[in-house]
Amino acid sequence: MDPVAPVCMLMLSAIGVAFIYSSQDYTGGDLWVKQVIWMGISVAAYAIFSILHYKILLENALWIYIASIVLLLAVKSPLGTEIYGARRWIDLKFTTLQPSELAKMATLIMVARTLSRFTYQSFVDSVTALGLVMGITALPTLIIFLQPDLGSALMLPFMTFALLYSTGFSRKFFQVTALLALAAAAIVGVDLYRYDAFLNRNNLSALENRGQFESHSWIPLKDYQRNRLMAFVAPERIDPQGLGVSWNVRQSLISVGTGGWAGKGWNDGTQAKLGYLPQAVAHNDFIFSVIAEEGGWVGSMLVIGLFAILVFNGIRVSMIARDRFGQMLALGVSLTLFAHIFINIGMTLGIAPVTGLPLPFLSYGGTFLLSCFMLQAFQQSVYRHRERLV
């Protein structure tokens, strides 16, 4: 058994519980207790799935994928529940389940299975593999996007393209993909320009607008998503006073900036305690801001260092995997982890748009914590069942 990953995971999870408690202390919240319970469940799941041979995932990839699609669709049924205006969860009475987190795992397994079965030595092989993985990725991405959950929806294509790149696909494919991405960005840019003009023409602020522009748009974005993008690319236009859609990021920057070298001390931060960093985000999407304020540069670098070890250790595991499926699976886990870390910390520092992606092992969320542990369990299984090196 590789001890590196479990040690890093447990340290990060313990830090997460401590700062969830700290971020909720001023309201007397008990979310840290629920996180501890989910941590126990996640550790048990990790122990089980890390022992099982990862070939079980290969043999049952299709059924796992189908089950994840069914759960995603169930969100729109009476079983689904709405929180903060988004319908992304299934109500289990004693807790809620977020199927999009399970869909990330299922899609990764299915894409890894598909890519491992082709040699890419012929044009037919390459086109067939590309068509399959695009279809596999597109279905859950579309369903998640319509929930709406833009952050999680963007994660799946990133993961797939990163794995395609690792297989040695033609550079022309990625050049074309880059051009298409630029074209999509241009379309979104034009849409944001039209949105800004719409607000000015109707003398509306971002806070006063309640989805009026959505029927005038060419693309299926929600107006609150446009507000987030505008707050990133042109905050002076959408929120010149800093009291609306850019409030969270501005307060996050204050949290990070006032932490200094060693921080204000655990449970002694003021941004979350006084409610400047809102209760709805301090313990999940912006948990790194709380860590930076109370732990300072030292605490922040400890967290980033543990993440770096975890990511590079996963890449090492992928390099010694016994087969292509194991290689794709382990690499996909590390790529997914890295994307979450980069985007989440980036948005707390104002260098990435707010997408709602949580920080692995640290942000509050039972299903997300469980999915993080299970992904690492798959990676551990690849390590445990590797070929002996000579």
Protein backbone atom coordinates (compact mmCIF):
# COMPACT_ATOMS: atom_id res chain seq x y z
CA MET A 1 0.00 0.00 0.00
CA ASP A 2 1.21 3.47 -0.88
CA PRO A 3 1.15 5.51 2.39
CA VAL A 4 1.60 8.93 0.76
CA ALA A 5 -1.99 9.45 -0.42
CA PRO A 6 -3.78 8.36 2.81
CA VAL A 7 -1.55 10.58 4.95
CA CYS A 8 -2.17 13.64 2.75
CA MET A 9 -5.90 12.95 2.52
CA LEU A 10 -6.36 12.56 6.27
CA MET A 11 -4.33 15.70 7.00
CA LEU A 12 -6.33 17.74 4.48
CA SER A 13 -9.65 16.37 5.74
CA ALA A 14 -8.72 17.19 9.36
CA ILE A 15 -7.76 20.72 8.32
CA GLY A 16 -11.08 20.98 6.48
CA VAL A 17 -13.09 19.98 9.55
CA ALA A 18 -11.18 22.47 11.72
CA PHE A 19 -11.81 25.40 9.40
CA ILE A 20 -15.43 24.45 8.66
CA TYR A 21 -15.90 24.69 12.44
CA SER A 22 -14.10 28.03 12.49
CA SER A 23 -16.10 29.48 9.58
CA GLN A 24 -19.39 28.48 11.25
CA ASP A 25 -18.47 29.33 14.85
CA TYR A 26 -20.15 32.73 14.88
CA THR A 27 -23.52 31.15 14.08
CA GLY A 28 -23.08 28.04 16.20
CA GLY A 29 -23.37 25.82 13.11
CA ASP A 30 -22.87 22.07 13.37
CA LEU A 31 -21.80 21.39 9.80
CA TRP A 32 -18.39 20.31 11.03
CA VAL A 33 -20.08 17.42 12.86
CA LYS A 34 -21.74 16.26 9.65
CA GLN A 35 -18.40 16.57 7.87
CA VAL A 36 -16.78 14.32 10.50
CA ILE A 37 -19.51 11.72 9.93
CA TRP A 38 -18.99 11.88 6.17
CA MET A 39 -15.26 11.65 6.73
CA GLY A 40 -15.79 8.36 8.60
CA ILE A 41 -17.97 7.03 5.76
CA SER A 42 -15.42 8.16 3.19
CA VAL A 43 -12.48 6.52 4.99
CA ALA A 44 -14.45 3.24 5.14
CA ALA A 45 -15.24 3.48 1.42
CA TYR A 46 -11.57 4.20 0.70
CA ALA A 47 -10.47 1.13 2.65
CA ILE A 48 -12.87 -1.12 0.72
CA PHE A 49 -12.33 0.21 -2.81
CA SER A 50 -8.54 0.48 -2.49
CA ILE A 51 -8.37 -3.25 -1.70
CA LEU A 52 -10.63 -4.33 -4.57
CA HIS A 53 -8.94 -4.84 -7.92
CA TYR A 54 -9.55 -1.91 -10.23
CA LYS A 55 -10.34 -4.36 -13.04
CA ILE A 56 -13.82 -4.57 -11.45
CA LEU A 57 -14.32 -0.98 -12.60
CA LEU A 58 -13.22 -1.93 -16.11
CA GLU A 59 -15.66 -4.86 -16.27
CA ASN A 60 -18.60 -2.84 -14.93
CA ALA A 61 -17.81 0.58 -16.42
CA LEU A 62 -20.93 0.70 -18.59
CA TRP A 63 -23.30 -0.15 -15.72
CA ILE A 64 -21.63 2.39 -13.45
CA TYR A 65 -22.01 5.02 -16.17
CA ILE A 66 -25.68 4.18 -16.78
CA ALA A 67 -26.41 4.31 -13.04
CA SER A 68 -24.83 7.78 -12.82
CA ILE A 69 -27.00 9.04 -15.72
CA VAL A 70 -30.13 7.67 -14.01
CA LEU A 71 -29.19 9.50 -10.80
CA LEU A 72 -28.58 12.72 -12.73
CA LEU A 73 -32.03 12.46 -14.31
CA ALA A 74 -33.58 11.67 -10.92
CA VAL A 75 -32.65 15.18 -9.81
CA LYS A 76 -35.48 16.49 -12.01
CA SER A 77 -37.96 14.03 -10.47
CA PRO A 78 -39.85 14.50 -7.18
CA LEU A 79 -36.79 12.98 -5.49
CA GLY A 80 -34.78 16.09 -6.40
CA THR A 81 -34.46 19.03 -4.06
CA GLU A 82 -33.58 22.68 -4.71
CA ILE A 83 -30.93 24.54 -2.69
CA TYR A 84 -29.93 28.17 -3.33
CA GLY A 85 -31.96 28.23 -6.56
CA ALA A 86 -30.29 25.18 -8.15
CA ARG A 87 -31.74 21.68 -8.42
CA ARG A 88 -28.65 19.46 -8.09
CA TRP A 89 -29.42 17.19 -5.16
CA ILE A 90 -31.49 14.11 -4.31
CA ASP A 91 -33.19 14.20 -0.93
CA LEU A 92 -32.45 11.02 1.05
CA LYS A 93 -34.32 12.34 4.14
CA PHE A 94 -31.31 11.91 6.44
CA THR A 95 -28.97 13.71 3.99
CA THR A 96 -28.71 14.89 0.39
CA LEU A 97 -26.86 13.26 -2.50
CA GLN A 98 -25.25 15.24 -5.34
CA PRO A 99 -25.25 12.96 -8.41
CA SER A 100 -22.92 15.22 -10.42
CA GLU A 101 -20.02 14.21 -8.16
CA LEU A 102 -20.73 10.54 -8.81
CA ALA A 103 -21.09 11.29 -12.53
CA LYS A 104 -17.51 12.65 -12.60
CA MET A 105 -16.25 9.29 -11.31
CA ALA A 106 -18.43 7.27 -13.66
CA THR A 107 -17.46 9.34 -16.71
CA LEU A 108 -13.77 9.05 -15.85
CA ILE A 109 -14.06 5.26 -15.55
CA MET A 110 -15.96 4.98 -18.85
CA VAL A 111 -13.58 7.28 -20.74
CA ALA A 112 -10.53 5.45 -19.34
CA ARG A 113 -12.07 2.13 -20.40
CA THR A 114 -12.75 3.41 -23.92
CA LEU A 115 -9.31 4.94 -24.42
CA SER A 116 -7.58 1.81 -23.14
CA ARG A 117 -9.16 -0.33 -25.86
CA PHE A 118 -7.72 1.48 -28.88
CA THR A 119 -4.18 1.53 -30.29
CA TYR A 120 -4.55 4.79 -32.32
CA GLN A 121 -2.31 3.34 -35.00
CA SER A 122 -4.94 3.90 -37.66
CA PHE A 123 -7.21 6.77 -38.62
CA VAL A 124 -10.30 4.60 -38.03
CA ASP A 125 -9.19 3.77 -34.49
CA SER A 126 -8.57 7.42 -33.67
CA VAL A 127 -11.89 8.65 -35.08
CA THR A 128 -13.84 5.84 -33.40
CA ALA A 129 -12.25 6.48 -30.00
CA LEU A 130 -12.78 10.22 -30.35
CA GLY A 131 -16.45 9.82 -31.25
CA LEU A 132 -17.08 7.46 -28.36
CA VAL A 133 -15.41 9.57 -25.67
CA MET A 134 -17.11 12.73 -26.95
CA GLY A 135 -20.49 11.06 -26.71
CA ILE A 136 -19.73 9.60 -23.29
CA THR A 137 -18.68 13.02 -22.00
CA ALA A 138 -21.38 15.10 -23.71
CA LEU A 139 -24.42 13.38 -22.14
CA PRO A 140 -23.63 13.96 -18.43
CA THR A 141 -22.12 17.37 -19.25
CA LEU A 142 -25.39 18.53 -20.81
CA ILE A 143 -27.54 17.20 -17.96
CA ILE A 144 -25.30 18.81 -15.31
CA PHE A 145 -25.21 22.10 -17.23
CA LEU A 146 -29.02 22.22 -17.24
CA GLN A 147 -29.28 21.70 -13.45
CA PRO A 148 -27.59 24.32 -13.65
CA ASP A 149 -24.04 23.58 -12.46
CA LEU A 150 -21.58 25.27 -14.81
CA GLY A 151 -18.46 24.42 -12.80
CA SER A 152 -19.04 20.66 -12.68
CA ALA A 153 -20.19 20.65 -16.32
CA LEU A 154 -16.88 22.19 -17.43
CA MET A 155 -14.87 19.66 -15.44
CA LEU A 156 -15.90 16.69 -17.58
CA PRO A 157 -14.67 18.04 -20.97
CA PHE A 158 -11.42 19.20 -19.35
CA MET A 159 -10.81 15.74 -17.93
CA THR A 160 -11.57 14.06 -21.25
CA PHE A 161 -9.38 16.36 -23.34
CA ALA A 162 -6.51 16.00 -20.89
CA LEU A 163 -6.71 12.21 -21.13
CA LEU A 164 -6.93 12.41 -24.93
CA TYR A 165 -3.77 14.50 -24.94
CA SER A 166 -1.96 11.91 -22.83
CA THR A 167 -2.82 9.17 -25.36
CA GLY A 168 -0.88 10.95 -28.12
CA PHE A 169 -3.76 12.13 -30.28
CA SER A 170 -2.81 14.24 -33.31
CA ARG A 171 -1.78 17.81 -32.52
CA LYS A 172 -4.08 19.02 -35.29
CA PHE A 173 -7.04 17.79 -33.28
CA PHE A 174 -6.04 19.93 -30.30
CA GLN A 175 -5.29 22.90 -32.54
CA VAL A 176 -8.80 22.67 -33.97
CA THR A 177 -10.20 22.22 -30.47
CA ALA A 178 -8.34 25.33 -29.29
CA LEU A 179 -9.81 27.32 -32.19
CA LEU A 180 -13.30 26.07 -31.33
CA ALA A 181 -12.73 27.04 -27.68
CA LEU A 182 -11.68 30.54 -28.77
CA ALA A 183 -14.79 30.77 -30.95
CA ALA A 184 -16.96 29.70 -28.00
CA ALA A 185 -15.25 32.30 -25.80
CA ALA A 186 -15.93 34.95 -28.45
CA ILE A 187 -19.62 33.98 -28.55
CA VAL A 188 -19.83 34.23 -24.75
CA GLY A 189 -18.02 37.59 -24.93
CA VAL A 190 -20.58 38.96 -27.41
CA ASP A 191 -23.37 37.63 -25.20
CA LEU A 192 -21.93 39.41 -22.16
CA TYR A 193 -21.65 42.64 -24.17
CA ARG A 194 -25.32 42.34 -25.15
CA TYR A 195 -26.20 41.58 -21.52
CA ASP A 196 -24.44 44.73 -20.32
CA ALA A 197 -26.23 46.78 -22.98
CA PHE A 198 -29.56 45.22 -21.95
CA LEU A 199 -29.04 46.24 -18.32
CA ASN A 200 -28.12 49.80 -19.30
CA ARG A 201 -31.01 50.10 -21.75
CA ASN A 202 -33.53 49.00 -19.11
CA ASN A 203 -31.82 50.87 -16.28
CA LEU A 204 -31.31 47.64 -14.32
CA SER A 205 -28.55 46.57 -11.98
CA ALA A 206 -27.31 42.98 -11.80
CA LEU A 207 -29.10 42.55 -8.48
CA GLU A 208 -32.40 43.92 -9.83
CA ASN A 209 -32.33 41.71 -12.91
CA ARG A 210 -34.28 38.47 -12.34
CA GLY A 211 -33.55 36.48 -15.48
CA GLN A 212 -35.11 39.00 -17.89
CA PHE A 213 -32.24 38.71 -20.40
CA GLU A 214 -32.34 34.91 -20.67
CA SER A 215 -35.13 34.96 -23.28
CA HIS A 216 -33.09 37.40 -25.42
CA SER A 217 -29.88 35.38 -25.41
CA TRP A 218 -28.48 33.00 -28.02
CA ILE A 219 -26.83 30.70 -25.47
CA PRO A 220 -28.37 28.78 -22.53
CA LEU A 221 -26.66 30.64 -19.69
CA LYS A 222 -28.51 31.79 -16.61
CA ASP A 223 -28.28 35.49 -15.78
CA TYR A 224 -26.63 34.77 -12.43
CA GLN A 225 -23.91 32.91 -14.37
CA ARG A 226 -23.49 35.96 -16.60
CA ASN A 227 -23.15 38.08 -13.47
CA ARG A 228 -20.32 35.84 -12.25
CA LEU A 229 -18.50 36.04 -15.57
CA MET A 230 -18.98 39.81 -15.73
CA ALA A 231 -17.70 40.14 -12.16
CA PHE A 232 -14.50 38.47 -13.37
CA VAL A 233 -13.92 40.21 -16.72
CA ALA A 234 -15.48 43.63 -16.00
CA PRO A 235 -16.32 44.10 -12.28
CA GLU A 236 -16.40 47.88 -12.67
CA ARG A 237 -19.28 47.52 -15.14
CA ILE A 238 -21.45 44.95 -13.38
CA ASP A 239 -20.75 45.96 -9.77
CA PRO A 240 -18.87 49.28 -9.49
CA GLN A 241 -19.54 49.59 -5.75
CA GLY A 242 -18.43 46.05 -4.96
CA LEU A 243 -21.63 45.39 -3.03
CA GLY A 244 -23.28 42.90 -5.40
CA VAL A 245 -22.03 39.97 -7.46
CA SER A 246 -18.33 40.72 -6.80
CA TRP A 247 -18.82 40.96 -3.02
CA ASN A 248 -17.67 37.41 -2.26
CA VAL A 249 -14.44 37.72 -4.24
CA ARG A 250 -13.61 41.13 -2.74
CA GLN A 251 -14.16 39.84 0.78
CA SER A 252 -12.12 36.76 -0.08
CA LEU A 253 -9.21 38.95 -1.18
CA ILE A 254 -9.44 40.85 2.12
CA SER A 255 -9.36 37.53 3.99
CA VAL A 256 -6.28 36.34 2.11
CA GLY A 257 -4.55 39.72 2.27
CA THR A 258 -5.00 40.25 6.01
CA GLY A 259 -3.71 36.78 6.92
CA GLY A 260 -0.11 37.89 6.68
CA TRP A 261 2.77 35.51 7.34
CA ALA A 262 1.35 33.31 10.09
CA GLY A 263 -2.34 34.31 10.10
CA LYS A 264 -4.61 35.62 12.81
CA GLY A 265 -4.82 32.24 14.51
CA TRP A 266 -7.34 29.43 14.28
CA ASN A 267 -10.88 30.58 15.05
CA ASP A 268 -9.69 34.19 15.35
CA GLY A 269 -10.46 35.33 11.80
CA THR A 270 -12.92 38.19 11.38
CA GLN A 271 -14.17 38.00 7.80
CA ALA A 272 -16.30 34.87 8.27
CA LYS A 273 -17.03 35.54 11.95
CA LEU A 274 -18.48 38.97 11.25
CA GLY A 275 -20.35 37.78 8.17
CA TYR A 276 -18.38 39.75 5.58
CA LEU A 277 -17.49 36.45 3.93
CA PRO A 278 -21.08 35.16 3.66
CA GLN A 279 -22.20 32.13 5.66
CA ALA A 280 -23.42 30.42 2.48
CA VAL A 281 -19.91 30.23 0.96
CA ALA A 282 -17.34 30.52 3.78
CA HIS A 283 -17.43 26.80 4.64
CA ASN A 284 -17.46 25.43 1.08
CA ASP A 285 -16.48 27.38 -2.05
CA PHE A 286 -14.36 29.92 -0.14
CA ILE A 287 -12.91 27.72 2.60
CA PHE A 288 -9.38 28.53 1.36
CA SER A 289 -10.02 32.20 2.21
CA VAL A 290 -10.71 31.26 5.83
CA ILE A 291 -7.54 29.13 5.92
CA ALA A 292 -5.47 31.97 4.43
CA GLU A 293 -6.82 34.51 6.95
CA GLU A 294 -6.38 32.35 10.03
CA GLY A 295 -3.35 30.30 8.93
CA GLY A 296 -1.61 32.96 6.85
CA TRP A 297 1.01 32.21 4.22
CA VAL A 298 2.33 29.29 6.26
CA GLY A 299 -1.08 27.60 6.53
CA SER A 300 -1.87 28.25 2.87
CA MET A 301 1.42 26.77 1.69
CA LEU A 302 0.92 23.73 3.92
CA VAL A 303 -2.39 23.04 2.20
CA ILE A 304 -1.00 23.70 -1.30
CA GLY A 305 2.03 21.53 -0.50
CA LEU A 306 -0.15 18.60 0.54
CA PHE A 307 -2.18 18.99 -2.65
CA ALA A 308 1.01 19.08 -4.75
CA ILE A 309 2.25 15.86 -3.15
CA LEU A 310 -1.11 14.20 -3.79
CA VAL A 311 -1.22 15.26 -7.46
CA PHE A 312 2.36 14.28 -8.30
CA ASN A 313 2.05 11.04 -6.39
CA GLY A 314 -0.95 10.17 -8.56
CA ILE A 315 1.04 10.90 -11.72
CA ARG A 316 3.78 8.59 -10.38
CA VAL A 317 1.20 5.84 -9.83
CA SER A 318 -0.06 6.23 -13.41
CA MET A 319 3.49 5.76 -14.71
CA ILE A 320 3.91 2.39 -12.99
CA ALA A 321 0.43 1.04 -13.73
CA ARG A 322 0.31 -2.48 -15.15
CA ASP A 323 -2.03 -1.62 -18.06
CA ARG A 324 -3.47 1.24 -20.06
CA PHE A 325 -6.75 1.31 -18.15
CA GLY A 326 -4.91 1.66 -14.85
CA GLN A 327 -2.73 4.36 -16.36
CA MET A 328 -5.71 6.32 -17.69
CA LEU A 329 -7.64 5.92 -14.44
CA ALA A 330 -4.82 7.07 -12.15
CA LEU A 331 -3.90 9.97 -14.42
CA GLY A 332 -7.55 11.05 -14.70
CA VAL A 333 -7.85 11.18 -10.91
CA SER A 334 -4.81 13.47 -10.64
CA LEU A 335 -6.00 15.72 -13.49
CA THR A 336 -9.46 16.08 -11.92
CA LEU A 337 -7.92 16.86 -8.53
CA PHE A 338 -5.58 19.45 -10.03
CA ALA A 339 -8.39 21.20 -11.93
CA HIS A 340 -10.51 21.50 -8.78
CA ILE A 341 -7.58 22.88 -6.79
CA PHE A 342 -6.46 25.36 -9.45
CA ILE A 343 -9.94 26.73 -10.19
CA ASN A 344 -11.11 26.93 -6.57
CA ILE A 345 -8.00 28.64 -5.20
CA GLY A 346 -7.89 30.79 -8.33
CA MET A 347 -11.40 32.12 -7.76
CA THR A 348 -10.63 32.94 -4.10
CA LEU A 349 -7.65 35.00 -5.34
CA GLY A 350 -9.64 36.68 -8.12
CA ILE A 351 -7.66 35.09 -10.98
CA ALA A 352 -10.44 32.72 -12.08
CA PRO A 353 -14.21 33.26 -12.38
CA VAL A 354 -16.46 32.00 -9.60
CA THR A 355 -17.80 28.64 -10.80
CA GLY A 356 -18.91 26.97 -7.58
CA LEU A 357 -16.27 24.22 -7.69
CA PRO A 358 -15.39 23.11 -4.14
CA LEU A 359 -11.88 22.46 -2.81
CA PRO A 360 -11.11 18.72 -2.46
CA PHE A 361 -11.10 17.32 1.11
CA LEU A 362 -11.50 20.82 2.60
CA SER A 363 -14.86 22.19 1.42
CA TYR A 364 -18.01 21.11 3.21
CA GLY A 365 -20.05 18.53 1.32
CA GLY A 366 -20.65 14.87 2.02
CA THR A 367 -21.01 13.55 -1.52
CA PHE A 368 -18.02 15.56 -2.70
CA LEU A 369 -15.83 14.32 0.15
CA LEU A 370 -16.90 10.73 -0.53
CA SER A 371 -16.13 11.10 -4.25
CA CYS A 372 -12.66 12.51 -3.47
CA PHE A 373 -11.85 9.54 -1.23
CA MET A 374 -13.21 7.05 -3.75
CA LEU A 375 -11.22 8.53 -6.62
CA GLN A 376 -8.09 8.23 -4.51
CA ALA A 377 -9.10 4.65 -3.65
CA PHE A 378 -9.14 3.81 -7.37
CA GLN A 379 -5.65 5.25 -7.65
CA GLN A 380 -4.51 3.24 -4.62
CA SER A 381 -5.92 0.09 -6.22
CA VAL A 382 -3.87 0.78 -9.36
CA TYR A 383 -0.77 1.05 -7.15
CA ARG A 384 -1.53 -2.08 -5.13
CA HIS A 385 -2.05 -4.22 -8.24
CA ARG A 386 0.85 -2.84 -10.30
CA GLU A 387 3.46 -5.11 -11.79
CA ARG A 388 6.56 -5.66 -9.69
CA LEU A 389 9.43 -3.50 -10.87
CA VAL A 390 12.71 -5.28 -11.70
